[in-house]
Amino acid sequence: MGELQVIARYTIADNAHDDVMALLSELAEASRTEPGTLSFVVYQRPDDPREVVLLERYASREALAAHRETPHFARLVLGEIVPRLESRVVELFDATSPG
């Protein structure tokens, strides 16, 4: 199997925006240092700053599994970010090259 694209869509709870954005910045920085992480970018919707999308690219499914086992994922995502969200949807896509 090849690369894996992850699209995570978050809706931040009221009054948690600044905290979540700071935590996401910390998460992105830590995640980019992982050997199997090819890209990790956070985007905020301009007309609704509570809506955030994370675009994450991993070298393989194993690299994503390793990411989800890191201490920073457990602490930041599971411990700090998820409790401050109204909703969270995570989609996985095989990243194939055209042609």
PDB file of N, CA and C in Angstrom:
ATOM      1  N   MET A   1       0.837  -1.193   0.000  1.00  0.00           N
ATOM      2  CA  MET A   1       0.000   0.000   0.000  1.00  0.00           C
ATOM      3  C   MET A   1       0.873   1.244   0.000  1.00  0.00           C
ATOM      4  N   GLY A   2       0.317   2.296  -0.557  1.00  0.00           N
ATOM      5  CA  GLY A   2       1.057   3.542  -0.658  1.00  0.00           C
ATOM      6  C   GLY A   2       0.702   4.533   0.436  1.00  0.00           C
ATOM      7  N   GLU A   3       0.814   5.797   0.080  1.00  0.00           N
ATOM      8  CA  GLU A   3       0.552   6.876   1.021  1.00  0.00           C
ATOM      9  C   GLU A   3      -0.923   6.931   1.409  1.00  0.00           C
ATOM     10  N   LEU A   4      -1.167   7.565   2.552  1.00  0.00           N
ATOM     11  CA  LEU A   4      -2.520   7.685   3.087  1.00  0.00           C
ATOM     12  C   LEU A   4      -2.812   9.151   3.367  1.00  0.00           C
ATOM     13  N   GLN A   5      -3.946   9.640   2.874  1.00  0.00           N
ATOM     14  CA  GLN A   5      -4.394  11.007   3.147  1.00  0.00           C
ATOM     15  C   GLN A   5      -5.484  10.954   4.205  1.00  0.00           C
ATOM     16  N   VAL A   6      -5.325  11.751   5.246  1.00  0.00           N
ATOM     17  CA  VAL A   6      -6.326  11.859   6.304  1.00  0.00           C
ATOM     18  C   VAL A   6      -6.915  13.258   6.249  1.00  0.00           C
ATOM     19  N   ILE A   7      -8.251  13.324   6.287  1.00  0.00           N
ATOM     20  CA  ILE A   7      -8.965  14.598   6.379  1.00  0.00           C
ATOM     21  C   ILE A   7      -9.781  14.547   7.665  1.00  0.00           C
ATOM     22  N   ALA A   8      -9.400  15.379   8.614  1.00  0.00           N
ATOM     23  CA  ALA A   8     -10.111  15.442   9.893  1.00  0.00           C
ATOM     24  C   ALA A   8     -10.858  16.768   9.955  1.00  0.00           C
ATOM     25  N   ARG A   9     -12.171  16.684  10.167  1.00  0.00           N
ATOM     26  CA  ARG A   9     -13.021  17.878  10.234  1.00  0.00           C
ATOM     27  C   ARG A   9     -13.488  18.064  11.671  1.00  0.00           C
ATOM     28  N   TYR A  10     -13.151  19.213  12.232  1.00  0.00           N
ATOM     29  CA  TYR A  10     -13.499  19.518  13.618  1.00  0.00           C
ATOM     30  C   TYR A  10     -14.441  20.713  13.665  1.00  0.00           C
ATOM     31  N   THR A  11     -15.422  20.656  14.547  1.00  0.00           N
ATOM     32  CA  THR A  11     -16.203  21.822  14.920  1.00  0.00           C
ATOM     33  C   THR A  11     -15.881  22.094  16.386  1.00  0.00           C
ATOM     34  N   ILE A  12     -15.288  23.237  16.626  1.00  0.00           N
ATOM     35  CA  ILE A  12     -14.850  23.601  17.969  1.00  0.00           C
ATOM     36  C   ILE A  12     -16.039  24.104  18.776  1.00  0.00           C
ATOM     37  N   ALA A  13     -16.123  23.671  20.022  1.00  0.00           N
ATOM     38  CA  ALA A  13     -17.197  24.111  20.906  1.00  0.00           C
ATOM     39  C   ALA A  13     -17.071  25.605  21.191  1.00  0.00           C
ATOM     40  N   ASP A  14     -18.211  26.218  21.523  1.00  0.00           N
ATOM     41  CA  ASP A  14     -18.200  27.634  21.891  1.00  0.00           C
ATOM     42  C   ASP A  14     -17.226  27.869  23.033  1.00  0.00           C
ATOM     43  N   ASN A  15     -16.557  28.994  22.989  1.00  0.00           N
ATOM     44  CA  ASN A  15     -15.621  29.432  24.033  1.00  0.00           C
ATOM     45  C   ASN A  15     -14.368  28.567  24.149  1.00  0.00           C
ATOM     46  N   ALA A  16     -14.107  27.686  23.180  1.00  0.00           N
ATOM     47  CA  ALA A  16     -12.903  26.857  23.237  1.00  0.00           C
ATOM     48  C   ALA A  16     -11.960  27.129  22.069  1.00  0.00           C
ATOM     49  N   HIS A  17     -12.306  28.073  21.219  1.00  0.00           N
ATOM     50  CA  HIS A  17     -11.566  28.302  19.984  1.00  0.00           C
ATOM     51  C   HIS A  17     -10.074  28.557  20.209  1.00  0.00           C
ATOM     52  N   ASP A  18      -9.749  29.525  21.039  1.00  0.00           N
ATOM     53  CA  ASP A  18      -8.345  29.888  21.222  1.00  0.00           C
ATOM     54  C   ASP A  18      -7.534  28.733  21.799  1.00  0.00           C
ATOM     55  N   ASP A  19      -8.116  28.030  22.765  1.00  0.00           N
ATOM     56  CA  ASP A  19      -7.420  26.878  23.353  1.00  0.00           C
ATOM     57  C   ASP A  19      -7.165  25.802  22.309  1.00  0.00           C
ATOM     58  N   VAL A  20      -8.182  25.463  21.523  1.00  0.00           N
ATOM     59  CA  VAL A  20      -8.045  24.401  20.522  1.00  0.00           C
ATOM     60  C   VAL A  20      -7.040  24.792  19.448  1.00  0.00           C
ATOM     61  N   MET A  21      -7.077  26.023  18.993  1.00  0.00           N
ATOM     62  CA  MET A  21      -6.142  26.434  17.952  1.00  0.00           C
ATOM     63  C   MET A  21      -4.696  26.375  18.459  1.00  0.00           C
ATOM     64  N   ALA A  22      -4.468  26.738  19.703  1.00  0.00           N
ATOM     65  CA  ALA A  22      -3.120  26.636  20.270  1.00  0.00           C
ATOM     66  C   ALA A  22      -2.688  25.176  20.370  1.00  0.00           C
ATOM     67  N   LEU A  23      -3.605  24.312  20.788  1.00  0.00           N
ATOM     68  CA  LEU A  23      -3.303  22.884  20.887  1.00  0.00           C
ATOM     69  C   LEU A  23      -3.046  22.275  19.514  1.00  0.00           C
ATOM     70  N   LEU A  24      -3.822  22.699  18.507  1.00  0.00           N
ATOM     71  CA  LEU A  24      -3.616  22.200  17.145  1.00  0.00           C
ATOM     72  C   LEU A  24      -2.262  22.629  16.598  1.00  0.00           C
ATOM     73  N   SER A  25      -1.835  23.819  16.918  1.00  0.00           N
ATOM     74  CA  SER A  25      -0.517  24.274  16.492  1.00  0.00           C
ATOM     75  C   SER A  25       0.575  23.391  17.098  1.00  0.00           C
ATOM     76  N   GLU A  26       0.427  23.088  18.372  1.00  0.00           N
ATOM     77  CA  GLU A  26       1.379  22.206  19.055  1.00  0.00           C
ATOM     78  C   GLU A  26       1.351  20.803  18.446  1.00  0.00           C
ATOM     79  N   LEU A  27       0.149  20.304  18.170  1.00  0.00           N
ATOM     80  CA  LEU A  27       0.000  18.979  17.560  1.00  0.00           C
ATOM     81  C   LEU A  27       0.659  18.928  16.187  1.00  0.00           C
ATOM     82  N   ALA A  28       0.402  19.923  15.358  1.00  0.00           N
ATOM     83  CA  ALA A  28       0.971  19.944  14.011  1.00  0.00           C
ATOM     84  C   ALA A  28       2.494  19.947  14.064  1.00  0.00           C
ATOM     85  N   GLU A  29       3.045  20.776  14.938  1.00  0.00           N
ATOM     86  CA  GLU A  29       4.500  20.853  15.059  1.00  0.00           C
ATOM     87  C   GLU A  29       5.097  19.510  15.475  1.00  0.00           C
ATOM     88  N   ALA A  30       4.489  18.877  16.475  1.00  0.00           N
ATOM     89  CA  ALA A  30       4.996  17.582  16.946  1.00  0.00           C
ATOM     90  C   ALA A  30       4.810  16.499  15.885  1.00  0.00           C
ATOM     91  N   SER A  31       3.678  16.513  15.209  1.00  0.00           N
ATOM     92  CA  SER A  31       3.379  15.479  14.215  1.00  0.00           C
ATOM     93  C   SER A  31       4.320  15.554  13.022  1.00  0.00           C
ATOM     94  N   ARG A  32       4.712  16.752  12.637  1.00  0.00           N
ATOM     95  CA  ARG A  32       5.617  16.919  11.492  1.00  0.00           C
ATOM     96  C   ARG A  32       6.997  16.321  11.745  1.00  0.00           C
ATOM     97  N   THR A  33       7.338  16.061  12.997  1.00  0.00           N
ATOM     98  CA  THR A  33       8.647  15.478  13.308  1.00  0.00           C
ATOM     99  C   THR A  33       8.644  13.955  13.215  1.00  0.00           C
ATOM    100  N   GLU A  34       7.475  13.349  13.094  1.00  0.00           N
ATOM    101  CA  GLU A  34       7.382  11.888  13.012  1.00  0.00           C
ATOM    102  C   GLU A  34       7.921  11.410  11.667  1.00  0.00           C
ATOM    103  N   PRO A  35       8.680  10.322  11.652  1.00  0.00           N
ATOM    104  CA  PRO A  35       9.299   9.862  10.404  1.00  0.00           C
ATOM    105  C   PRO A  35       8.307   9.528   9.289  1.00  0.00           C
ATOM    106  N   GLY A  36       7.129   9.028   9.601  1.00  0.00           N
ATOM    107  CA  GLY A  36       6.170   8.643   8.568  1.00  0.00           C
ATOM    108  C   GLY A  36       5.185   9.718   8.183  1.00  0.00           C
ATOM    109  N   THR A  37       5.293  10.894   8.807  1.00  0.00           N
ATOM    110  CA  THR A  37       4.386  12.000   8.479  1.00  0.00           C
ATOM    111  C   THR A  37       4.979  12.810   7.338  1.00  0.00           C
ATOM    112  N   LEU A  38       4.269  12.865   6.226  1.00  0.00           N
ATOM    113  CA  LEU A  38       4.730  13.610   5.054  1.00  0.00           C
ATOM    114  C   LEU A  38       4.244  15.049   5.072  1.00  0.00           C
ATOM    115  N   SER A  39       3.051  15.271   5.655  1.00  0.00           N
ATOM    116  CA  SER A  39       2.470  16.608   5.713  1.00  0.00           C
ATOM    117  C   SER A  39       1.422  16.647   6.808  1.00  0.00           C
ATOM    118  N   PHE A  40       1.316  17.783   7.485  1.00  0.00           N
ATOM    119  CA  PHE A  40       0.310  17.970   8.526  1.00  0.00           C
ATOM    120  C   PHE A  40      -0.011  19.453   8.568  1.00  0.00           C
ATOM    121  N   VAL A  41      -1.183  19.834   8.038  1.00  0.00           N
ATOM    122  CA  VAL A  41      -1.553  21.237   7.911  1.00  0.00           C
ATOM    123  C   VAL A  41      -2.950  21.443   8.485  1.00  0.00           C
ATOM    124  N   VAL A  42      -3.122  22.549   9.195  1.00  0.00           N
ATOM    125  CA  VAL A  42      -4.402  22.904   9.791  1.00  0.00           C
ATOM    126  C   VAL A  42      -4.971  24.101   9.037  1.00  0.00           C
ATOM    127  N   TYR A  43      -6.245  23.981   8.625  1.00  0.00           N
ATOM    128  CA  TYR A  43      -6.943  25.060   7.930  1.00  0.00           C
ATOM    129  C   TYR A  43      -8.179  25.452   8.717  1.00  0.00           C
ATOM    130  N   GLN A  44      -8.466  26.749   8.716  1.00  0.00           N
ATOM    131  CA  GLN A  44      -9.635  27.271   9.412  1.00  0.00           C
ATOM    132  C   GLN A  44     -10.574  27.892   8.390  1.00  0.00           C
ATOM    133  N   ARG A  45     -11.847  27.615   8.518  1.00  0.00           N
ATOM    134  CA  ARG A  45     -12.829  28.156   7.586  1.00  0.00           C
ATOM    135  C   ARG A  45     -12.965  29.669   7.811  1.00  0.00           C
ATOM    136  N   PRO A  46     -12.825  30.486   6.756  1.00  0.00           N
ATOM    137  CA  PRO A  46     -12.818  31.942   6.945  1.00  0.00           C
ATOM    138  C   PRO A  46     -14.151  32.514   7.435  1.00  0.00           C
ATOM    139  N   ASP A  47     -15.254  31.921   7.055  1.00  0.00           N
ATOM    140  CA  ASP A  47     -16.553  32.463   7.460  1.00  0.00           C
ATOM    141  C   ASP A  47     -17.099  31.836   8.742  1.00  0.00           C
ATOM    142  N   ASP A  48     -16.397  30.847   9.290  1.00  0.00           N
ATOM    143  CA  ASP A  48     -16.785  30.230  10.557  1.00  0.00           C
ATOM    144  C   ASP A  48     -15.534  29.651  11.210  1.00  0.00           C
ATOM    145  N   PRO A  49     -14.849  30.425  12.034  1.00  0.00           N
ATOM    146  CA  PRO A  49     -13.582  29.981  12.604  1.00  0.00           C
ATOM    147  C   PRO A  49     -13.696  28.765  13.518  1.00  0.00           C
ATOM    148  N   ARG A  50     -14.899  28.364  13.867  1.00  0.00           N
ATOM    149  CA  ARG A  50     -15.078  27.145  14.665  1.00  0.00           C
ATOM    150  C   ARG A  50     -14.878  25.893  13.825  1.00  0.00           C
ATOM    151  N   GLU A  51     -14.931  26.038  12.500  1.00  0.00           N
ATOM    152  CA  GLU A  51     -14.768  24.907  11.579  1.00  0.00           C
ATOM    153  C   GLU A  51     -13.310  24.809  11.151  1.00  0.00           C
ATOM    154  N   VAL A  52     -12.703  23.665  11.436  1.00  0.00           N
ATOM    155  CA  VAL A  52     -11.284  23.457  11.166  1.00  0.00           C
ATOM    156  C   VAL A  52     -11.116  22.136  10.413  1.00  0.00           C
ATOM    157  N   VAL A  53     -10.174  22.127   9.474  1.00  0.00           N
ATOM    158  CA  VAL A  53      -9.848  20.910   8.740  1.00  0.00           C
ATOM    159  C   VAL A  53      -8.356  20.649   8.897  1.00  0.00           C
ATOM    160  N   LEU A  54      -8.028  19.407   9.222  1.00  0.00           N
ATOM    161  CA  LEU A  54      -6.635  18.974   9.267  1.00  0.00           C
ATOM    162  C   LEU A  54      -6.398  18.088   8.063  1.00  0.00           C
ATOM    163  N   LEU A  55      -5.405  18.428   7.257  1.00  0.00           N
ATOM    164  CA  LEU A  55      -4.998  17.590   6.134  1.00  0.00           C
ATOM    165  C   LEU A  55      -3.666  16.963   6.513  1.00  0.00           C
ATOM    166  N   GLU A  56      -3.710  15.652   6.650  1.00  0.00           N
ATOM    167  CA  GLU A  56      -2.533  14.905   7.102  1.00  0.00           C
ATOM    168  C   GLU A  56      -2.180  13.864   6.049  1.00  0.00           C
ATOM    169  N   ARG A  57      -0.918  13.783   5.695  1.00  0.00           N
ATOM    170  CA  ARG A  57      -0.476  12.776   4.736  1.00  0.00           C
ATOM    171  C   ARG A  57       0.593  11.918   5.397  1.00  0.00           C
ATOM    172  N   TYR A  58       0.418  10.604   5.284  1.00  0.00           N
ATOM    173  CA  TYR A  58       1.333   9.645   5.901  1.00  0.00           C
ATOM    174  C   TYR A  58       1.918   8.732   4.836  1.00  0.00           C
ATOM    175  N   ALA A  59       3.107   8.243   5.083  1.00  0.00           N
ATOM    176  CA  ALA A  59       3.794   7.372   4.133  1.00  0.00           C
ATOM    177  C   ALA A  59       3.075   6.041   3.957  1.00  0.00           C
ATOM    178  N   SER A  60       2.304   5.635   4.972  1.00  0.00           N
ATOM    179  CA  SER A  60       1.621   4.347   4.931  1.00  0.00           C
ATOM    180  C   SER A  60       0.580   4.288   6.041  1.00  0.00           C
ATOM    181  N   ARG A  61      -0.222   3.249   6.016  1.00  0.00           N
ATOM    182  CA  ARG A  61      -1.184   3.015   7.105  1.00  0.00           C
ATOM    183  C   ARG A  61      -0.445   2.768   8.421  1.00  0.00           C
ATOM    184  N   GLU A  62       0.708   2.130   8.329  1.00  0.00           N
ATOM    185  CA  GLU A  62       1.510   1.881   9.519  1.00  0.00           C
ATOM    186  C   GLU A  62       2.005   3.191  10.135  1.00  0.00           C
ATOM    187  N   ALA A  63       2.331   4.158   9.288  1.00  0.00           N
ATOM    188  CA  ALA A  63       2.770   5.463   9.793  1.00  0.00           C
ATOM    189  C   ALA A  63       1.631   6.175  10.520  1.00  0.00           C
ATOM    190  N   LEU A  64       0.417   6.055  10.001  1.00  0.00           N
ATOM    191  CA  LEU A  64      -0.736   6.628  10.702  1.00  0.00           C
ATOM    192  C   LEU A  64      -0.946   5.924  12.036  1.00  0.00           C
ATOM    193  N   ALA A  65      -0.843   4.605  12.042  1.00  0.00           N
ATOM    194  CA  ALA A  65      -1.001   3.855  13.288  1.00  0.00           C
ATOM    195  C   ALA A  65       0.055   4.290  14.300  1.00  0.00           C
ATOM    196  N   ALA A  66       1.282   4.491  13.853  1.00  0.00           N
ATOM    197  CA  ALA A  66       2.352   4.947  14.746  1.00  0.00           C
ATOM    198  C   ALA A  66       2.045   6.341  15.287  1.00  0.00           C
ATOM    199  N   HIS A  67       1.516   7.223  14.419  1.00  0.00           N
ATOM    200  CA  HIS A  67       1.129   8.573  14.842  1.00  0.00           C
ATOM    201  C   HIS A  67       0.109   8.505  15.970  1.00  0.00           C
ATOM    202  N   ARG A  68      -0.861   7.630  15.829  1.00  0.00           N
ATOM    203  CA  ARG A  68      -1.926   7.514  16.831  1.00  0.00           C
ATOM    204  C   ARG A  68      -1.453   6.881  18.138  1.00  0.00           C
ATOM    205  N   GLU A  69      -0.239   6.360  18.152  1.00  0.00           N
ATOM    206  CA  GLU A  69       0.331   5.774  19.367  1.00  0.00           C
ATOM    207  C   GLU A  69       1.311   6.713  20.079  1.00  0.00           C
ATOM    208  N   THR A  70       1.546   7.885  19.519  1.00  0.00           N
ATOM    209  CA  THR A  70       2.516   8.797  20.124  1.00  0.00           C
ATOM    210  C   THR A  70       1.955   9.441  21.392  1.00  0.00           C
ATOM    211  N   PRO A  71       2.832   9.798  22.316  1.00  0.00           N
ATOM    212  CA  PRO A  71       2.374  10.501  23.516  1.00  0.00           C
ATOM    213  C   PRO A  71       1.680  11.830  23.210  1.00  0.00           C
ATOM    214  N   HIS A  72       2.168  12.557  22.188  1.00  0.00           N
ATOM    215  CA  HIS A  72       1.526  13.839  21.888  1.00  0.00           C
ATOM    216  C   HIS A  72       0.120  13.648  21.319  1.00  0.00           C
ATOM    217  N   PHE A  73      -0.144  12.573  20.570  1.00  0.00           N
ATOM    218  CA  PHE A  73      -1.504  12.315  20.093  1.00  0.00           C
ATOM    219  C   PHE A  73      -2.421  12.031  21.277  1.00  0.00           C
ATOM    220  N   ALA A  74      -1.984  11.171  22.180  1.00  0.00           N
ATOM    221  CA  ALA A  74      -2.811  10.828  23.344  1.00  0.00           C
ATOM    222  C   ALA A  74      -3.092  12.063  24.195  1.00  0.00           C
ATOM    223  N   ARG A  75      -2.056  12.838  24.458  1.00  0.00           N
ATOM    224  CA  ARG A  75      -2.223  14.002  25.339  1.00  0.00           C
ATOM    225  C   ARG A  75      -3.027  15.116  24.674  1.00  0.00           C
ATOM    226  N   LEU A  76      -2.624  15.479  23.444  1.00  0.00           N
ATOM    227  CA  LEU A  76      -3.239  16.632  22.788  1.00  0.00           C
ATOM    228  C   LEU A  76      -4.598  16.314  22.170  1.00  0.00           C
ATOM    229  N   VAL A  77      -4.650  15.273  21.334  1.00  0.00           N
ATOM    230  CA  VAL A  77      -5.906  14.982  20.632  1.00  0.00           C
ATOM    231  C   VAL A  77      -6.929  14.392  21.584  1.00  0.00           C
ATOM    232  N   LEU A  78      -6.596  13.266  22.177  1.00  0.00           N
ATOM    233  CA  LEU A  78      -7.571  12.565  23.008  1.00  0.00           C
ATOM    234  C   LEU A  78      -7.824  13.276  24.328  1.00  0.00           C
ATOM    235  N   GLY A  79      -6.775  13.802  24.938  1.00  0.00           N
ATOM    236  CA  GLY A  79      -6.928  14.396  26.261  1.00  0.00           C
ATOM    237  C   GLY A  79      -7.390  15.838  26.281  1.00  0.00           C
ATOM    238  N   GLU A  80      -6.965  16.640  25.277  1.00  0.00           N
ATOM    239  CA  GLU A  80      -7.231  18.074  25.310  1.00  0.00           C
ATOM    240  C   GLU A  80      -8.165  18.586  24.211  1.00  0.00           C
ATOM    241  N   ILE A  81      -7.966  18.131  22.982  1.00  0.00           N
ATOM    242  CA  ILE A  81      -8.729  18.692  21.863  1.00  0.00           C
ATOM    243  C   ILE A  81     -10.126  18.094  21.769  1.00  0.00           C
ATOM    244  N   VAL A  82     -10.239  16.782  21.698  1.00  0.00           N
ATOM    245  CA  VAL A  82     -11.550  16.140  21.521  1.00  0.00           C
ATOM    246  C   VAL A  82     -12.576  16.597  22.563  1.00  0.00           C
ATOM    247  N   PRO A  83     -12.212  16.724  23.836  1.00  0.00           N
ATOM    248  CA  PRO A  83     -13.214  17.196  24.798  1.00  0.00           C
ATOM    249  C   PRO A  83     -13.721  18.621  24.542  1.00  0.00           C
ATOM    250  N   ARG A  84     -13.003  19.384  23.714  1.00  0.00           N
ATOM    251  CA  ARG A  84     -13.390  20.768  23.418  1.00  0.00           C
ATOM    252  C   ARG A  84     -14.080  20.906  22.053  1.00  0.00           C
ATOM    253  N   LEU A  85     -14.465  19.793  21.462  1.00  0.00           N
ATOM    254  CA  LEU A  85     -15.109  19.820  20.148  1.00  0.00           C
ATOM    255  C   LEU A  85     -16.601  19.514  20.254  1.00  0.00           C
ATOM    256  N   GLU A  86     -17.357  20.106  19.325  1.00  0.00           N
ATOM    257  CA  GLU A  86     -18.765  19.723  19.165  1.00  0.00           C
ATOM    258  C   GLU A  86     -18.868  18.479  18.300  1.00  0.00           C
ATOM    259  N   SER A  87     -17.993  18.400  17.300  1.00  0.00           N
ATOM    260  CA  SER A  87     -18.012  17.223  16.424  1.00  0.00           C
ATOM    261  C   SER A  87     -16.628  16.989  15.842  1.00  0.00           C
ATOM    262  N   ARG A  88     -16.432  15.731  15.426  1.00  0.00           N
ATOM    263  CA  ARG A  88     -15.146  15.324  14.840  1.00  0.00           C
ATOM    264  C   ARG A  88     -15.423  14.208  13.844  1.00  0.00           C
ATOM    265  N   VAL A  89     -15.000  14.418  12.606  1.00  0.00           N
ATOM    266  CA  VAL A  89     -15.129  13.404  11.562  1.00  0.00           C
ATOM    267  C   VAL A  89     -13.747  13.207  10.959  1.00  0.00           C
ATOM    268  N   VAL A  90     -13.299  11.952  10.900  1.00  0.00           N
ATOM    269  CA  VAL A  90     -11.981  11.642  10.343  1.00  0.00           C
ATOM    270  C   VAL A  90     -12.173  10.704   9.166  1.00  0.00           C
ATOM    271  N   GLU A  91     -11.655  11.107   8.002  1.00  0.00           N
ATOM    272  CA  GLU A  91     -11.772  10.307   6.774  1.00  0.00           C
ATOM    273  C   GLU A  91     -10.380   9.891   6.319  1.00  0.00           C
ATOM    274  N   LEU A  92     -10.271   8.654   5.836  1.00  0.00           N
ATOM    275  CA  LEU A  92      -9.016   8.123   5.317  1.00  0.00           C
ATOM    276  C   LEU A  92      -9.159   7.845   3.830  1.00  0.00           C
ATOM    277  N   PHE A  93      -8.133   8.202   3.071  1.00  0.00           N
ATOM    278  CA  PHE A  93      -8.121   7.978   1.627  1.00  0.00           C
ATOM    279  C   PHE A  93      -6.770   7.429   1.215  1.00  0.00           C
ATOM    280  N   ASP A  94      -6.769   6.396   0.374  1.00  0.00           N
ATOM    281  CA  ASP A  94      -5.532   5.957  -0.237  1.00  0.00           C
ATOM    282  C   ASP A  94      -5.105   7.045  -1.201  1.00  0.00           C
ATOM    283  N   ALA A  95      -3.873   7.473  -1.115  1.00  0.00           N
ATOM    284  CA  ALA A  95      -3.348   8.534  -1.974  1.00  0.00           C
ATOM    285  C   ALA A  95      -2.637   7.901  -3.153  1.00  0.00           C
ATOM    286  N   THR A  96      -3.300   7.878  -4.280  1.00  0.00           N
ATOM    287  CA  THR A  96      -2.720   7.272  -5.480  1.00  0.00           C
ATOM    288  C   THR A  96      -2.407   8.362  -6.492  1.00  0.00           C
ATOM    289  N   SER A  97      -1.374   8.132  -7.231  1.00  0.00           N
ATOM    290  CA  SER A  97      -0.999   9.083  -8.285  1.00  0.00           C
ATOM    291  C   SER A  97      -1.842   8.816  -9.527  1.00  0.00           C
ATOM    292  N   PRO A  98      -2.292   9.868 -10.213  1.00  0.00           N
ATOM    293  CA  PRO A  98      -3.055   9.674 -11.433  1.00  0.00           C
ATOM    294  C   PRO A  98      -2.191   9.036 -12.535  1.00  0.00           C
ATOM    295  N   GLY A  99      -2.842   8.223 -13.343  1.00  0.00           N
ATOM    296  CA  GLY A  99      -2.206   7.658 -14.517  1.00  0.00           C
ATOM    297  C   GLY A  99      -1.341   6.514 -14.173  1.00  0.00           C
TER     298      GLY A  99
END
